[in-house]
Protein backbone atom coordinates (compact mmCIF):
# COMPACT_ATOMS: atom_id res chain seq x y z
CA MET A 1 -71.49 74.53 -4.24
CA ASN A 2 -70.13 77.26 -2.00
CA ASP A 3 -67.64 75.65 0.42
CA ARG A 4 -69.09 77.69 3.28
CA LEU A 5 -72.48 76.06 2.70
CA GLN A 6 -71.18 72.51 2.30
CA PRO A 7 -71.80 70.45 5.45
CA THR A 8 -68.88 69.00 7.37
CA LEU A 9 -68.48 65.41 6.26
CA PRO A 10 -68.00 62.50 8.66
CA PRO A 11 -64.34 61.37 8.45
CA ALA A 12 -65.23 57.97 6.99
CA LEU A 13 -67.24 59.57 4.17
CA ALA A 14 -64.54 62.15 3.51
CA ALA A 15 -62.03 59.29 3.13
CA LEU A 16 -64.34 57.51 0.67
CA LEU A 17 -64.77 60.64 -1.40
CA SER A 18 -61.01 61.23 -1.57
CA ARG A 19 -60.02 57.69 -2.64
CA HIS A 20 -58.47 57.23 -6.05
CA SER A 21 -56.34 54.47 -7.53
CA LEU A 22 -52.61 55.14 -7.62
CA GLY A 23 -50.27 53.60 -10.19
CA PRO A 24 -47.34 51.52 -8.90
CA ARG A 25 -44.76 54.02 -10.20
CA TRP A 26 -46.08 56.51 -7.66
CA MET A 27 -45.56 54.17 -4.69
CA VAL A 28 -42.61 53.67 -2.38
CA ALA A 29 -41.99 51.66 0.78
CA PRO A 30 -43.32 51.18 3.30
CA GLY A 31 -46.50 49.38 2.43
CA PRO A 32 -48.94 48.10 5.02
CA ASP A 33 -47.58 45.64 7.57
CA ALA A 34 -49.26 42.34 8.49
CA GLN A 35 -51.50 43.96 11.11
CA GLN A 36 -52.64 46.67 8.68
CA LEU A 37 -53.34 44.08 5.98
CA ALA A 38 -55.40 42.12 8.50
CA LEU A 39 -57.43 45.26 9.25
CA ALA A 40 -58.02 45.79 5.52
CA ALA A 41 -59.14 42.15 5.23
CA GLN A 42 -61.52 42.72 8.15
CA ALA A 43 -62.97 45.69 6.26
CA ALA A 44 -63.37 43.44 3.20
CA LEU A 45 -65.32 40.99 5.34
CA ARG A 46 -67.80 43.75 6.22
CA ALA A 47 -68.83 44.16 2.58
CA PRO A 48 -72.24 42.87 1.41
CA ASN A 49 -72.01 39.09 1.43
CA HIS A 50 -75.22 37.35 0.35
CA GLY A 51 -75.52 33.92 1.94
CA ARG A 52 -72.36 34.50 3.94
CA LEU A 53 -70.43 32.65 1.26
CA GLN A 54 -67.34 34.88 1.46
CA PRO A 55 -66.39 33.83 -2.09
CA TRP A 56 -62.86 35.26 -1.99
CA ARG A 57 -59.51 34.98 -0.26
CA LEU A 58 -56.25 36.92 -0.28
CA VAL A 59 -52.76 35.61 -0.99
CA THR A 60 -49.80 37.74 0.09
CA ILE A 61 -46.65 37.66 -2.04
CA ALA A 62 -43.38 38.10 -0.13
CA GLU A 63 -40.48 40.07 -1.54
CA ALA A 64 -38.45 36.86 -1.85
CA GLN A 65 -41.23 35.39 -4.02
CA ARG A 66 -41.19 38.21 -6.60
CA PRO A 67 -38.69 36.43 -8.92
CA ALA A 68 -40.96 33.37 -9.04
CA LEU A 69 -43.91 35.61 -9.87
CA ALA A 70 -41.82 37.35 -12.54
CA ALA A 71 -41.16 33.96 -14.15
CA LEU A 72 -44.90 33.28 -14.27
CA PHE A 73 -45.58 36.69 -15.80
CA GLU A 74 -42.84 36.01 -18.36
CA GLN A 75 -44.39 32.65 -19.23
CA PHE A 76 -47.74 34.35 -19.81
CA ALA A 77 -46.12 37.00 -22.02
CA ARG A 78 -44.24 34.45 -24.13
CA ASP A 79 -47.32 32.25 -24.54
CA ALA A 80 -49.25 35.36 -25.62
CA GLY A 81 -46.67 36.01 -28.34
CA LYS A 82 -45.43 39.29 -26.92
CA SER A 83 -42.19 40.95 -28.02
CA GLU A 84 -39.02 40.73 -25.94
CA GLU A 85 -39.60 44.29 -24.74
CA GLU A 86 -43.15 43.40 -23.67
CA VAL A 87 -41.88 40.25 -21.95
CA ALA A 88 -39.43 42.38 -19.95
CA THR A 89 -42.25 44.76 -19.02
CA GLU A 90 -44.39 41.85 -17.81
CA ARG A 91 -41.51 40.56 -15.67
CA GLU A 92 -41.08 43.99 -14.08
CA ARG A 93 -44.75 44.00 -13.06
CA ALA A 94 -43.95 41.33 -10.48
CA TRP A 95 -42.31 44.12 -8.45
CA ASN A 96 -45.34 46.44 -8.60
CA GLY A 97 -45.81 48.09 -5.22
CA PRO A 98 -43.97 47.46 -1.93
CA VAL A 99 -46.83 45.12 -0.94
CA LEU A 100 -48.56 42.82 -3.42
CA VAL A 101 -51.68 40.79 -2.70
CA ALA A 102 -53.49 38.39 -5.04
CA TRP A 103 -57.28 38.07 -5.02
CA VAL A 104 -58.74 34.59 -5.52
CA ALA A 105 -62.47 33.93 -5.97
CA ARG A 106 -64.52 30.78 -5.52
CA ILE A 107 -67.84 31.10 -7.32
CA ASP A 108 -70.19 28.25 -6.42
CA GLU A 109 -72.76 27.77 -9.17
CA SER A 110 -74.62 25.15 -7.12
CA VAL A 111 -75.98 27.73 -4.65
CA ALA A 112 -79.41 28.48 -6.12
CA LYS A 113 -80.28 31.36 -3.79
CA VAL A 114 -77.02 33.19 -4.54
CA PRO A 115 -76.44 33.01 -8.32
CA PRO A 116 -72.92 33.57 -9.71
CA HIS A 117 -73.47 37.24 -10.59
CA GLU A 118 -74.38 37.97 -6.94
CA GLN A 119 -71.29 36.16 -5.72
CA TRP A 120 -69.16 38.27 -8.08
CA ILE A 121 -70.83 41.38 -6.66
CA CYS A 122 -69.72 40.21 -3.21
CA VAL A 123 -66.14 39.76 -4.45
CA GLY A 124 -66.16 43.26 -5.95
CA ALA A 125 -67.64 44.77 -2.79
CA ALA A 126 -64.92 43.11 -0.69
CA MET A 127 -62.24 44.48 -3.01
CA GLY A 128 -63.77 47.95 -2.72
CA ASN A 129 -63.81 47.81 1.07
CA PHE A 130 -60.21 46.59 1.10
CA MET A 131 -59.11 49.46 -1.16
CA ASN A 132 -60.97 52.00 0.96
CA ALA A 133 -59.38 50.60 4.11
CA VAL A 134 -55.79 50.87 2.88
CA HIS A 135 -56.55 54.38 1.61
CA SER A 136 -57.90 55.33 5.05
CA MET A 137 -54.59 54.17 6.52
CA GLY A 138 -52.71 56.57 4.24
CA PHE A 139 -51.59 54.17 1.50
CA GLY A 140 -52.07 54.28 -2.24
CA ALA A 141 -53.30 51.18 -4.04
CA LYS A 142 -54.33 49.85 -7.41
CA ILE A 143 -55.91 46.61 -8.60
CA LEU A 144 -54.25 45.10 -11.69
CA SER A 145 -55.75 42.19 -13.58
CA GLY A 146 -56.09 41.36 -17.27
CA ARG A 147 -55.60 38.26 -19.39
CA LYS A 148 -52.68 37.00 -17.33
CA CYS A 149 -55.09 36.06 -14.54
CA LEU A 150 -56.54 33.40 -16.86
CA HIS A 151 -53.15 31.89 -17.75
CA PRO A 152 -52.99 28.24 -16.61
CA ALA A 153 -49.59 28.62 -14.91
CA LEU A 154 -50.76 31.56 -12.81
CA VAL A 155 -54.08 29.90 -12.00
CA GLN A 156 -52.24 26.76 -10.89
CA ALA A 157 -49.82 28.80 -8.77
CA PHE A 158 -52.50 30.69 -6.84
CA CYS A 159 -55.74 28.72 -7.04
CA GLU A 160 -57.16 25.55 -5.63
CA GLU A 161 -59.69 23.45 -7.52
CA GLY A 162 -62.77 25.52 -8.38
CA GLU A 163 -61.08 28.90 -7.80
CA GLN A 164 -60.29 31.78 -10.15
CA LEU A 165 -57.47 34.33 -10.01
CA VAL A 166 -59.10 37.78 -10.08
CA GLY A 167 -56.17 40.18 -9.91
CA PHE A 168 -53.39 41.72 -7.86
CA THR A 169 -53.54 44.71 -5.52
CA CYS A 170 -50.31 46.66 -5.24
CA ILE A 171 -50.03 48.92 -2.20
CA GLY A 172 -47.49 51.46 -1.01
CA THR A 173 -46.87 54.93 0.34
CA PRO A 174 -47.93 57.58 -2.20
CA THR A 175 -45.29 59.91 -3.60
CA ARG A 176 -47.94 62.26 -4.97
CA GLY A 177 -51.49 63.30 -4.17
CA LEU A 178 -54.39 61.09 -5.15
CA GLU A 179 -56.06 63.23 -7.78
CA PRO A 180 -59.00 61.92 -9.82
CA ARG A 181 -58.63 61.93 -13.60
CA GLU A 182 -61.88 63.80 -14.01
CA ARG A 183 -64.59 65.45 -11.95
CA ASP A 184 -67.12 63.04 -10.42
CA GLU A 185 -70.65 63.76 -11.60
CA ALA A 186 -72.97 61.73 -9.41
CA ASP A 187 -76.09 63.33 -10.90
CA LYS A 188 -75.42 61.41 -14.13
CA ARG A 189 -75.52 58.12 -12.21
CA ILE A 190 -78.69 58.59 -10.18
CA GLY A 191 -82.25 59.30 -11.29
CA PRO A 192 -85.90 58.45 -10.73
CA TRP A 193 -87.58 55.26 -11.90
CA ARG A 194 -89.60 55.95 -15.04
CA SER A 195 -92.34 53.37 -14.69
CA ALA A 196 -94.62 52.55 -17.63
């Protein structure tokens, strides 16, 4: 589309359209402070939330706690049978991003009107809002998860009974532009209902 014909976008929409995950190696301090994290959590609370269950919570990890997290990541790596080089890489991941936040979910299967898949949608929507909020404040962020989030030692460290560890969001100041890997093609994701 010709740029001269493209309408001026509202700032909030322009921020959404410019968001892209940023790897930890492209982040430096500072990350968001406590007040900025609280604002991002407020944005997460504005996500769709069927039944007002709010099936998630955030756990901040202080810099002084990174060695303890590294030990947990190492335990996961050793239990998974990884090589010494891979174990070292897992340990290093405890220092991903100047700010690190864990996501914990509580999916209540006893709520008939909000089945588990809808509760997971609410968790994902909250994570999306959180990511968009930190981006709007000028930070880069990325959610990292994987098999380690199922490891008993990590689950015990972060979760209460009935909770699940979803992943970690690392956040910091970008050292490079947030460029998408490929062009977004929305027309491939939207179309008319073809009824019988």
